[in-house]
Amino acid sequence: MDRQGPADVIIVGGGVIGCSIAYYLAREGVKVTVLDKGEIGGEASRAAAGMLAPLAEVEEDGPFQDLGLASLRLFPHLAEALEQECGVDIEYLRSGILRVALTEEQAEHLKGFAQRRPSPGLEIHWLEPDELRALEPGLSPGIRGALYSPEEHQVNADRLVQALSRAAAARGAVVRQDTRATGLVRRGMRVTGVRIPDGTLSAGHTVLAAGAWTAKVAQGIGVDLPVFPVRGQMIALPASRSALRHIVWGEEGYLVPKANGLIFAGATVERVGFRKNVTVRGLSGLKRMAGSLVPRLAGLDAVDAWAGFRPGSADGLPILGPVPGWEGLSVACGHFRNGILLAPITGQLIARSILDGSSNEALAPFSPARFL
C-alpha cells in the first residue's frame, strides 16, 4: 500500500548528494521525497572534513577536474542562498590550501605542477620556506616549501547537508529519516517506486544516492554498480596551542582548521568493508602525521575521533546519470573523497537530467553506462 501518494521523484539516500539533488529539484517545483535509513547526513557527510579541493585528486585537465572546478564556483552563492532560505550558516571559509613538501623530490613535483597551471584554472603558486612561514609560523622547520592554492576553501560538512535538507523541505520536499529502502518497484524495465518496510512509495523517477550502500539497493533489479565502502578515520585536535589558519596537506594526510577552533586531522583510506570502528593504529598514525606537519600538535590529545565510509568506485570517478536500459532510474554515487565538493554540481546536473528527460554533455564522462 502506498502510504503517501506518488511523488515526482524519490531519492534514496539523505547524505549531501541526495539532499543537494532534492534541493535543486524542489527549487523547480518538483514533488520530492528523500529517504534515509538513519539520520540525514549521518554517514559519510557527517564524517567529512569539508574541504573544497578540486586539485586534490587529479593534476591534469579533464572532465573530473572541470566538474570539481565548476562545483567550487557554486559555493559562494549557495552559502548565501542557504542562509537566507533556512537560516543555516554552512561556515564557508576561504582558508586556502597549502600543499607542503617534506622532501626535495616532493618540492620539485609541486613546483612542476605550479608551472603547468590547470585550465581554466585556479590561482596557484610556489612558496619558498621563508614565504611559507610568514603565512604559517607553526609549520615544521623541515618543510621545503608549499604549493599555495588560495581559492580552494572549506565548509562545515554537517551544516551543509542539514541546510540543503531544510531548504529542500521549505520548498515542499518530504524528508523521511529512519526509512530504509528495501528494494525497488518495477514494471517491466521501468522503476515505479521504492519498497520500504511498511509498504511502497510510488514515483515517476527514482534516484539512487545512498553512498557506499547504493550498490546494495541496485542489485535488487540486477543492476551491478561497482561502488564500495572505503573507511576513513579522523581525529579532532584542540587548536589553542596552534594558530593554523590554512588547510595544510602533506603526503600522509591533512590538517583542517575549523570555525569552532578545532583542527581536523585525516584521514585513513581503508578497504575493510562496512566496519566503522576506529583503530589504535589509525588514530596513532593521524596524530603522528599532525605532529610532523605542526610540531606543537604532537603532544595534544584528540578531543574526538570517528570514522566514515567514503563511496568508492571501480575507476575512482563518480557514477552519475540515467541507468541504461531502465526508465525512471538514475544514480548519483561513487564520489569517494569529493562528495562535499561535488554536491552542488551533482545536484544541479542530476536535477536538470530528470527535468529534461535525458543526460547531458557534462554527465556523459560519468555515466553508469561505462560499467553496465
Foldseek 3Di string as FASTA:
>chain_A
DAPPAAFAEEEEAQALQSLLLLLQLLVVVGAYEYEYQADRNPFPLQVFPFWLDLCPPDLADDLSSVLSVVLLVCPVVVQVVLCVQPNFRQQWFLQWEWEWALDVVVVVVLQVSQVVAYPPHFDKDKAAPVRVCVQFVQWDPSIGTTIIGRSTIGTNRVSSSVSSNVSSVSSNYHYHHSWHFPEFPDDVQETFWTATPVGIYGHQAYEYEHAQCSQVHVPRVPDGFQKHWWKWKKFKFACPPGPDRHWYAYPQWIWDQGPVRIIMTYIDTHRDGPDWDDDPVGVVSRLVVVCNTRVVSNPTDTPDMTMHTGIAGPVQPWEWDADPSHGRYIYTYHPGSCCSSSSNVRSNQHSVCSVVVHHDDSNVVRHPVVPD
